[in-house]
Amino acid sequence: MTDLTGRPASLGISADLWEILACPCPAHAPVVPDEATGRIVCTECGRSFPVRDGIPVMLLDEATLPPDGVQGDLLAEG
């Protein structure tokens, strides 16, 4: 999928939005797409956030914490 500029649009989110998305955790770390789960994952805390109809739901109340040990694995892949 691409956005209107022809750039890749991971999870249905425009490339321009990916450039400014950050986790709402205290670190405000960058996030990456997890195409396998259709979620956004924080590169610092490992929380994952849902995407609904192409809209990221970046609320800590909606986040899922990673199982122990998974955070490092996700970051090593990205």
PDB file of N, CA and C in Angstrom:
ATOM      1  N   MET A   1       0.847  -1.167   0.000  1.00  0.00           N
ATOM      2  CA  MET A   1       0.000   0.000   0.000  1.00  0.00           C
ATOM      3  C   MET A   1       0.895   1.233   0.000  1.00  0.00           C
ATOM      4  N   THR A   2       0.489   2.271  -0.709  1.00  0.00           N
ATOM      5  CA  THR A   2       1.225   3.532  -0.722  1.00  0.00           C
ATOM      6  C   THR A   2       0.300   4.661  -0.319  1.00  0.00           C
ATOM      7  N   ASP A   3       0.906   5.774   0.124  1.00  0.00           N
ATOM      8  CA  ASP A   3       0.084   6.940   0.436  1.00  0.00           C
ATOM      9  C   ASP A   3      -0.040   7.800  -0.812  1.00  0.00           C
ATOM     10  N   LEU A   4      -0.609   8.973  -0.698  1.00  0.00           N
ATOM     11  CA  LEU A   4      -0.850   9.830  -1.858  1.00  0.00           C
ATOM     12  C   LEU A   4       0.436  10.315  -2.516  1.00  0.00           C
ATOM     13  N   THR A   5       1.544  10.303  -1.797  1.00  0.00           N
ATOM     14  CA  THR A   5       2.818  10.731  -2.374  1.00  0.00           C
ATOM     15  C   THR A   5       3.548   9.568  -3.027  1.00  0.00           C
ATOM     16  N   GLY A   6       2.982   8.368  -2.955  1.00  0.00           N
ATOM     17  CA  GLY A   6       3.610   7.189  -3.537  1.00  0.00           C
ATOM     18  C   GLY A   6       4.580   6.488  -2.609  1.00  0.00           C
ATOM     19  N   ARG A   7       4.720   6.989  -1.381  1.00  0.00           N
ATOM     20  CA  ARG A   7       5.608   6.347  -0.404  1.00  0.00           C
ATOM     21  C   ARG A   7       4.884   5.198   0.287  1.00  0.00           C
ATOM     22  N   PRO A   8       5.622   4.209   0.781  1.00  0.00           N
ATOM     23  CA  PRO A   8       4.987   3.088   1.476  1.00  0.00           C
ATOM     24  C   PRO A   8       4.151   3.565   2.661  1.00  0.00           C
ATOM     25  N   ALA A   9       3.016   2.935   2.859  1.00  0.00           N
ATOM     26  CA  ALA A   9       2.126   3.280   3.969  1.00  0.00           C
ATOM     27  C   ALA A   9       1.905   2.027   4.811  1.00  0.00           C
ATOM     28  N   SER A  10       2.797   1.796   5.757  1.00  0.00           N
ATOM     29  CA  SER A  10       2.691   0.629   6.628  1.00  0.00           C
ATOM     30  C   SER A  10       1.440   0.714   7.486  1.00  0.00           C
ATOM     31  N   LEU A  11       0.735  -0.380   7.588  1.00  0.00           N
ATOM     32  CA  LEU A  11      -0.487  -0.494   8.394  1.00  0.00           C
ATOM     33  C   LEU A  11      -1.554   0.511   7.982  1.00  0.00           C
ATOM     34  N   GLY A  12      -1.478   1.020   6.768  1.00  0.00           N
ATOM     35  CA  GLY A  12      -2.462   1.991   6.298  1.00  0.00           C
ATOM     36  C   GLY A  12      -2.215   3.399   6.801  1.00  0.00           C
ATOM     37  N   ILE A  13      -1.052   3.623   7.410  1.00  0.00           N
ATOM     38  CA  ILE A  13      -0.705   4.931   7.967  1.00  0.00           C
ATOM     39  C   ILE A  13       0.277   5.605   7.017  1.00  0.00           C
ATOM     40  N   SER A  14       0.031   6.866   6.696  1.00  0.00           N
ATOM     41  CA  SER A  14       0.878   7.573   5.736  1.00  0.00           C
ATOM     42  C   SER A  14       2.312   7.697   6.236  1.00  0.00           C
ATOM     43  N   ALA A  15       3.229   7.757   5.283  1.00  0.00           N
ATOM     44  CA  ALA A  15       4.650   7.900   5.607  1.00  0.00           C
ATOM     45  C   ALA A  15       4.909   9.190   6.386  1.00  0.00           C
ATOM     46  N   ASP A  16       4.166  10.248   6.058  1.00  0.00           N
ATOM     47  CA  ASP A  16       4.335  11.520   6.775  1.00  0.00           C
ATOM     48  C   ASP A  16       3.986  11.374   8.257  1.00  0.00           C
ATOM     49  N   LEU A  17       2.936  10.618   8.543  1.00  0.00           N
ATOM     50  CA  LEU A  17       2.548  10.416   9.937  1.00  0.00           C
ATOM     51  C   LEU A  17       3.575   9.549  10.661  1.00  0.00           C
ATOM     52  N   TRP A  18       4.128   8.543   9.996  1.00  0.00           N
ATOM     53  CA  TRP A  18       5.153   7.699  10.622  1.00  0.00           C
ATOM     54  C   TRP A  18       6.341   8.534  11.076  1.00  0.00           C
ATOM     55  N   GLU A  19       6.652   9.594  10.342  1.00  0.00           N
ATOM     56  CA  GLU A  19       7.802  10.441  10.685  1.00  0.00           C
ATOM     57  C   GLU A  19       7.622  11.159  12.014  1.00  0.00           C
ATOM     58  N   ILE A  20       6.381  11.394  12.441  1.00  0.00           N
ATOM     59  CA  ILE A  20       6.157  12.147  13.676  1.00  0.00           C
ATOM     60  C   ILE A  20       5.574  11.319  14.815  1.00  0.00           C
ATOM     61  N   LEU A  21       5.173  10.077  14.541  1.00  0.00           N
ATOM     62  CA  LEU A  21       4.599   9.244  15.604  1.00  0.00           C
ATOM     63  C   LEU A  21       5.646   8.935  16.674  1.00  0.00           C
ATOM     64  N   ALA A  22       5.229   8.993  17.918  1.00  0.00           N
ATOM     65  CA  ALA A  22       6.084   8.629  19.050  1.00  0.00           C
ATOM     66  C   ALA A  22       5.216   7.991  20.114  1.00  0.00           C
ATOM     67  N   CYS A  23       5.822   7.153  20.905  1.00  0.00           N
ATOM     68  CA  CYS A  23       5.103   6.497  21.999  1.00  0.00           C
ATOM     69  C   CYS A  23       4.747   7.534  23.060  1.00  0.00           C
ATOM     70  N   PRO A  24       3.578   7.415  23.669  1.00  0.00           N
ATOM     71  CA  PRO A  24       3.212   8.344  24.745  1.00  0.00           C
ATOM     72  C   PRO A  24       3.889   8.018  26.082  1.00  0.00           C
ATOM     73  N   CYS A  25       4.767   7.012  26.109  1.00  0.00           N
ATOM     74  CA  CYS A  25       5.486   6.697  27.345  1.00  0.00           C
ATOM     75  C   CYS A  25       6.424   7.853  27.695  1.00  0.00           C
ATOM     76  N   PRO A  26       6.947   7.894  28.901  1.00  0.00           N
ATOM     77  CA  PRO A  26       7.824   9.008  29.292  1.00  0.00           C
ATOM     78  C   PRO A  26       9.021   9.219  28.355  1.00  0.00           C
ATOM     79  N   ALA A  27       9.491   8.184  27.685  1.00  0.00           N
ATOM     80  CA  ALA A  27      10.649   8.319  26.786  1.00  0.00           C
ATOM     81  C   ALA A  27      10.272   8.963  25.457  1.00  0.00           C
ATOM     82  N   HIS A  28       8.992   8.960  25.101  1.00  0.00           N
ATOM     83  CA  HIS A  28       8.519   9.481  23.806  1.00  0.00           C
ATOM     84  C   HIS A  28       9.366   8.922  22.664  1.00  0.00           C
ATOM     85  N   ALA A  29       9.613   7.626  22.722  1.00  0.00           N
ATOM     86  CA  ALA A  29      10.482   6.950  21.754  1.00  0.00           C
ATOM     87  C   ALA A  29       9.785   6.756  20.407  1.00  0.00           C
ATOM     88  N   PRO A  30      10.578   6.580  19.361  1.00  0.00           N
ATOM     89  CA  PRO A  30      10.001   6.264  18.045  1.00  0.00           C
ATOM     90  C   PRO A  30       9.255   4.938  18.097  1.00  0.00           C
ATOM     91  N   VAL A  31       8.351   4.757  17.157  1.00  0.00           N
ATOM     92  CA  VAL A  31       7.589   3.518  17.055  1.00  0.00           C
ATOM     93  C   VAL A  31       7.814   2.907  15.678  1.00  0.00           C
ATOM     94  N   VAL A  32       7.578   1.603  15.594  1.00  0.00           N
ATOM     95  CA  VAL A  32       7.733   0.883  14.330  1.00  0.00           C
ATOM     96  C   VAL A  32       6.492   0.031  14.087  1.00  0.00           C
ATOM     97  N   PRO A  33       6.205  -0.247  12.813  1.00  0.00           N
ATOM     98  CA  PRO A  33       5.052  -1.104  12.529  1.00  0.00           C
ATOM     99  C   PRO A  33       5.397  -2.567  12.759  1.00  0.00           C
ATOM    100  N   ASP A  34       4.439  -3.324  13.243  1.00  0.00           N
ATOM    101  CA  ASP A  34       4.551  -4.784  13.314  1.00  0.00           C
ATOM    102  C   ASP A  34       3.490  -5.321  12.365  1.00  0.00           C
ATOM    103  N   GLU A  35       3.900  -5.580  11.135  1.00  0.00           N
ATOM    104  CA  GLU A  35       2.961  -6.018  10.098  1.00  0.00           C
ATOM    105  C   GLU A  35       2.283  -7.334  10.465  1.00  0.00           C
ATOM    106  N   ALA A  36       2.960  -8.194  11.207  1.00  0.00           N
ATOM    107  CA  ALA A  36       2.398  -9.497  11.564  1.00  0.00           C
ATOM    108  C   ALA A  36       1.174  -9.371  12.460  1.00  0.00           C
ATOM    109  N   THR A  37       1.195  -8.387  13.366  1.00  0.00           N
ATOM    110  CA  THR A  37       0.077  -8.222  14.295  1.00  0.00           C
ATOM    111  C   THR A  37      -0.819  -7.047  13.924  1.00  0.00           C
ATOM    112  N   GLY A  38      -0.347  -6.186  13.011  1.00  0.00           N
ATOM    113  CA  GLY A  38      -1.118  -5.010  12.646  1.00  0.00           C
ATOM    114  C   GLY A  38      -1.106  -3.948  13.727  1.00  0.00           C
ATOM    115  N   ARG A  39      -0.057  -3.950  14.539  1.00  0.00           N
ATOM    116  CA  ARG A  39       0.043  -3.010  15.645  1.00  0.00           C
ATOM    117  C   ARG A  39       1.296  -2.158  15.510  1.00  0.00           C
ATOM    118  N   ILE A  40       1.355  -1.082  16.270  1.00  0.00           N
ATOM    119  CA  ILE A  40       2.510  -0.194  16.346  1.00  0.00           C
ATOM    120  C   ILE A  40       3.252  -0.539  17.626  1.00  0.00           C
ATOM    121  N   VAL A  41       4.584  -0.645  17.559  1.00  0.00           N
ATOM    122  CA  VAL A  41       5.381  -1.051  18.717  1.00  0.00           C
ATOM    123  C   VAL A  41       6.404   0.030  19.061  1.00  0.00           C
ATOM    124  N   CYS A  42       6.487   0.354  20.338  1.00  0.00           N
ATOM    125  CA  CYS A  42       7.457   1.331  20.833  1.00  0.00           C
ATOM    126  C   CYS A  42       8.846   0.704  20.856  1.00  0.00           C
ATOM    127  N   THR A  43       9.840   1.452  20.376  1.00  0.00           N
ATOM    128  CA  THR A  43      11.206   0.946  20.352  1.00  0.00           C
ATOM    129  C   THR A  43      11.882   1.015  21.714  1.00  0.00           C
ATOM    130  N   GLU A  44      11.268   1.697  22.666  1.00  0.00           N
ATOM    131  CA  GLU A  44      11.859   1.829  23.989  1.00  0.00           C
ATOM    132  C   GLU A  44      11.192   0.911  25.016  1.00  0.00           C
ATOM    133  N   CYS A  45       9.891   1.032  25.173  1.00  0.00           N
ATOM    134  CA  CYS A  45       9.206   0.274  26.234  1.00  0.00           C
ATOM    135  C   CYS A  45       8.584  -1.029  25.729  1.00  0.00           C
ATOM    136  N   GLY A  46       8.441  -1.166  24.416  1.00  0.00           N
ATOM    137  CA  GLY A  46       7.892  -2.396  23.854  1.00  0.00           C
ATOM    138  C   GLY A  46       6.372  -2.474  23.843  1.00  0.00           C
ATOM    139  N   ARG A  47       5.696  -1.451  24.349  1.00  0.00           N
ATOM    140  CA  ARG A  47       4.234  -1.468  24.286  1.00  0.00           C
ATOM    141  C   ARG A  47       3.794  -1.506  22.823  1.00  0.00           C
ATOM    142  N   SER A  48       2.657  -2.149  22.592  1.00  0.00           N
ATOM    143  CA  SER A  48       2.101  -2.143  21.239  1.00  0.00           C
ATOM    144  C   SER A  48       0.726  -1.500  21.274  1.00  0.00           C
ATOM    145  N   PHE A  49       0.424  -0.811  20.180  1.00  0.00           N
ATOM    146  CA  PHE A  49      -0.801  -0.030  20.087  1.00  0.00           C
ATOM    147  C   PHE A  49      -1.600  -0.481  18.872  1.00  0.00           C
ATOM    148  N   PRO A  50      -2.918  -0.504  18.993  1.00  0.00           N
ATOM    149  CA  PRO A  50      -3.752  -0.925  17.862  1.00  0.00           C
ATOM    150  C   PRO A  50      -3.846   0.161  16.794  1.00  0.00           C
ATOM    151  N   VAL A  51      -4.188  -0.282  15.590  1.00  0.00           N
ATOM    152  CA  VAL A  51      -4.497   0.628  14.494  1.00  0.00           C
ATOM    153  C   VAL A  51      -5.911   0.280  14.061  1.00  0.00           C
ATOM    154  N   ARG A  52      -6.794   1.260  14.098  1.00  0.00           N
ATOM    155  CA  ARG A  52      -8.189   1.021  13.733  1.00  0.00           C
ATOM    156  C   ARG A  52      -8.546   1.874  12.519  1.00  0.00           C
ATOM    157  N   ASP A  53      -8.899   1.219  11.433  1.00  0.00           N
ATOM    158  CA  ASP A  53      -9.256   1.909  10.184  1.00  0.00           C
ATOM    159  C   ASP A  53      -8.168   2.883   9.742  1.00  0.00           C
ATOM    160  N   GLY A  54      -6.901   2.453   9.882  1.00  0.00           N
ATOM    161  CA  GLY A  54      -5.779   3.284   9.464  1.00  0.00           C
ATOM    162  C   GLY A  54      -5.425   4.396  10.431  1.00  0.00           C
ATOM    163  N   ILE A  55      -6.042   4.400  11.614  1.00  0.00           N
ATOM    164  CA  ILE A  55      -5.788   5.437  12.610  1.00  0.00           C
ATOM    165  C   ILE A  55      -5.083   4.805  13.816  1.00  0.00           C
ATOM    166  N   PRO A  56      -3.868   5.280  14.124  1.00  0.00           N
ATOM    167  CA  PRO A  56      -3.171   4.733  15.292  1.00  0.00           C
ATOM    168  C   PRO A  56      -3.837   5.188  16.581  1.00  0.00           C
ATOM    169  N   VAL A  57      -4.050   4.258  17.487  1.00  0.00           N
ATOM    170  CA  VAL A  57      -4.655   4.570  18.784  1.00  0.00           C
ATOM    171  C   VAL A  57      -3.508   4.577  19.801  1.00  0.00           C
ATOM    172  N   MET A  58      -2.905   5.745  19.958  1.00  0.00           N
ATOM    173  CA  MET A  58      -1.696   5.880  20.766  1.00  0.00           C
ATOM    174  C   MET A  58      -2.027   6.313  22.198  1.00  0.00           C
ATOM    175  N   LEU A  59      -2.863   5.539  22.850  1.00  0.00           N
ATOM    176  CA  LEU A  59      -3.254   5.791  24.237  1.00  0.00           C
ATOM    177  C   LEU A  59      -2.667   4.702  25.121  1.00  0.00           C
ATOM    178  N   LEU A  60      -2.052   5.086  26.221  1.00  0.00           N
ATOM    179  CA  LEU A  60      -1.468   4.084  27.115  1.00  0.00           C
ATOM    180  C   LEU A  60      -2.516   3.105  27.619  1.00  0.00           C
ATOM    181  N   ASP A  61      -3.759   3.560  27.782  1.00  0.00           N
ATOM    182  CA  ASP A  61      -4.835   2.676  28.231  1.00  0.00           C
ATOM    183  C   ASP A  61      -5.155   1.595  27.195  1.00  0.00           C
ATOM    184  N   GLU A  62      -4.857   1.850  25.929  1.00  0.00           N
ATOM    185  CA  GLU A  62      -5.129   0.899  24.846  1.00  0.00           C
ATOM    186  C   GLU A  62      -3.921   0.021  24.537  1.00  0.00           C
ATOM    187  N   ALA A  63      -2.771   0.329  25.145  1.00  0.00           N
ATOM    188  CA  ALA A  63      -1.531  -0.387  24.843  1.00  0.00           C
ATOM    189  C   ALA A  63      -1.501  -1.769  25.474  1.00  0.00           C
ATOM    190  N   THR A  64      -0.749  -2.638  24.824  1.00  0.00           N
ATOM    191  CA  THR A  64      -0.489  -3.970  25.349  1.00  0.00           C
ATOM    192  C   THR A  64       0.986  -4.046  25.702  1.00  0.00           C
ATOM    193  N   LEU A  65       1.281  -4.457  26.929  1.00  0.00           N
ATOM    194  CA  LEU A  65       2.669  -4.608  27.347  1.00  0.00           C
ATOM    195  C   LEU A  65       3.249  -5.881  26.741  1.00  0.00           C
ATOM    196  N   PRO A  66       4.541  -5.861  26.414  1.00  0.00           N
ATOM    197  CA  PRO A  66       5.149  -7.065  25.837  1.00  0.00           C
ATOM    198  C   PRO A  66       5.340  -8.131  26.907  1.00  0.00           C
ATOM    199  N   PRO A  67       5.294  -9.407  26.503  1.00  0.00           N
ATOM    200  CA  PRO A  67       5.649 -10.456  27.459  1.00  0.00           C
ATOM    201  C   PRO A  67       7.124 -10.293  27.843  1.00  0.00           C
ATOM    202  N   ASP A  68       7.514 -10.792  28.990  1.00  0.00           N
ATOM    203  CA  ASP A  68       8.918 -10.688  29.419  1.00  0.00           C
ATOM    204  C   ASP A  68       9.841 -11.242  28.347  1.00  0.00           C
ATOM    205  N   GLY A  69      10.886 -10.483  28.035  1.00  0.00           N
ATOM    206  CA  GLY A  69      11.893 -10.943  27.087  1.00  0.00           C
ATOM    207  C   GLY A  69      11.588 -10.646  25.635  1.00  0.00           C
ATOM    208  N   VAL A  70      10.367 -10.261  25.307  1.00  0.00           N
ATOM    209  CA  VAL A  70      10.014 -10.042  23.902  1.00  0.00           C
ATOM    210  C   VAL A  70      10.478  -8.681  23.416  1.00  0.00           C
ATOM    211  N   GLN A  71      10.512  -7.683  24.287  1.00  0.00           N
ATOM    212  CA  GLN A  71      10.872  -6.339  23.882  1.00  0.00           C
ATOM    213  C   GLN A  71      12.205  -6.317  23.153  1.00  0.00           C
ATOM    214  N   GLY A  72      13.221  -6.932  23.693  1.00  0.00           N
ATOM    215  CA  GLY A  72      14.536  -6.962  23.060  1.00  0.00           C
ATOM    216  C   GLY A  72      14.503  -7.649  21.707  1.00  0.00           C
ATOM    217  N   ASP A  73      13.716  -8.701  21.580  1.00  0.00           N
ATOM    218  CA  ASP A  73      13.604  -9.416  20.305  1.00  0.00           C
ATOM    219  C   ASP A  73      13.003  -8.531  19.228  1.00  0.00           C
ATOM    220  N   LEU A  74      11.958  -7.773  19.558  1.00  0.00           N
ATOM    221  CA  LEU A  74      11.320  -6.886  18.580  1.00  0.00           C
ATOM    222  C   LEU A  74      12.284  -5.806  18.124  1.00  0.00           C
ATOM    223  N   LEU A  75      13.043  -5.252  19.061  1.00  0.00           N
ATOM    224  CA  LEU A  75      13.940  -4.169  18.718  1.00  0.00           C
ATOM    225  C   LEU A  75      15.110  -4.665  17.876  1.00  0.00           C
ATOM    226  N   ALA A  76      15.560  -5.870  18.098  1.00  0.00           N
ATOM    227  CA  ALA A  76      16.664  -6.420  17.312  1.00  0.00           C
ATOM    228  C   ALA A  76      16.260  -6.643  15.862  1.00  0.00           C
ATOM    229  N   GLU A  77      14.983  -6.964  15.625  1.00  0.00           N
ATOM    230  CA  GLU A  77      14.495  -7.200  14.258  1.00  0.00           C
ATOM    231  C   GLU A  77      14.357  -5.912  13.483  1.00  0.00           C
ATOM    232  N   GLY A  78      13.929  -4.810  14.161  1.00  0.00           N
ATOM    233  CA  GLY A  78      13.624  -3.550  13.506  1.00  0.00           C
ATOM    234  C   GLY A  78      14.841  -2.817  13.136  1.00  0.00           C
TER     235      GLY A  78
END
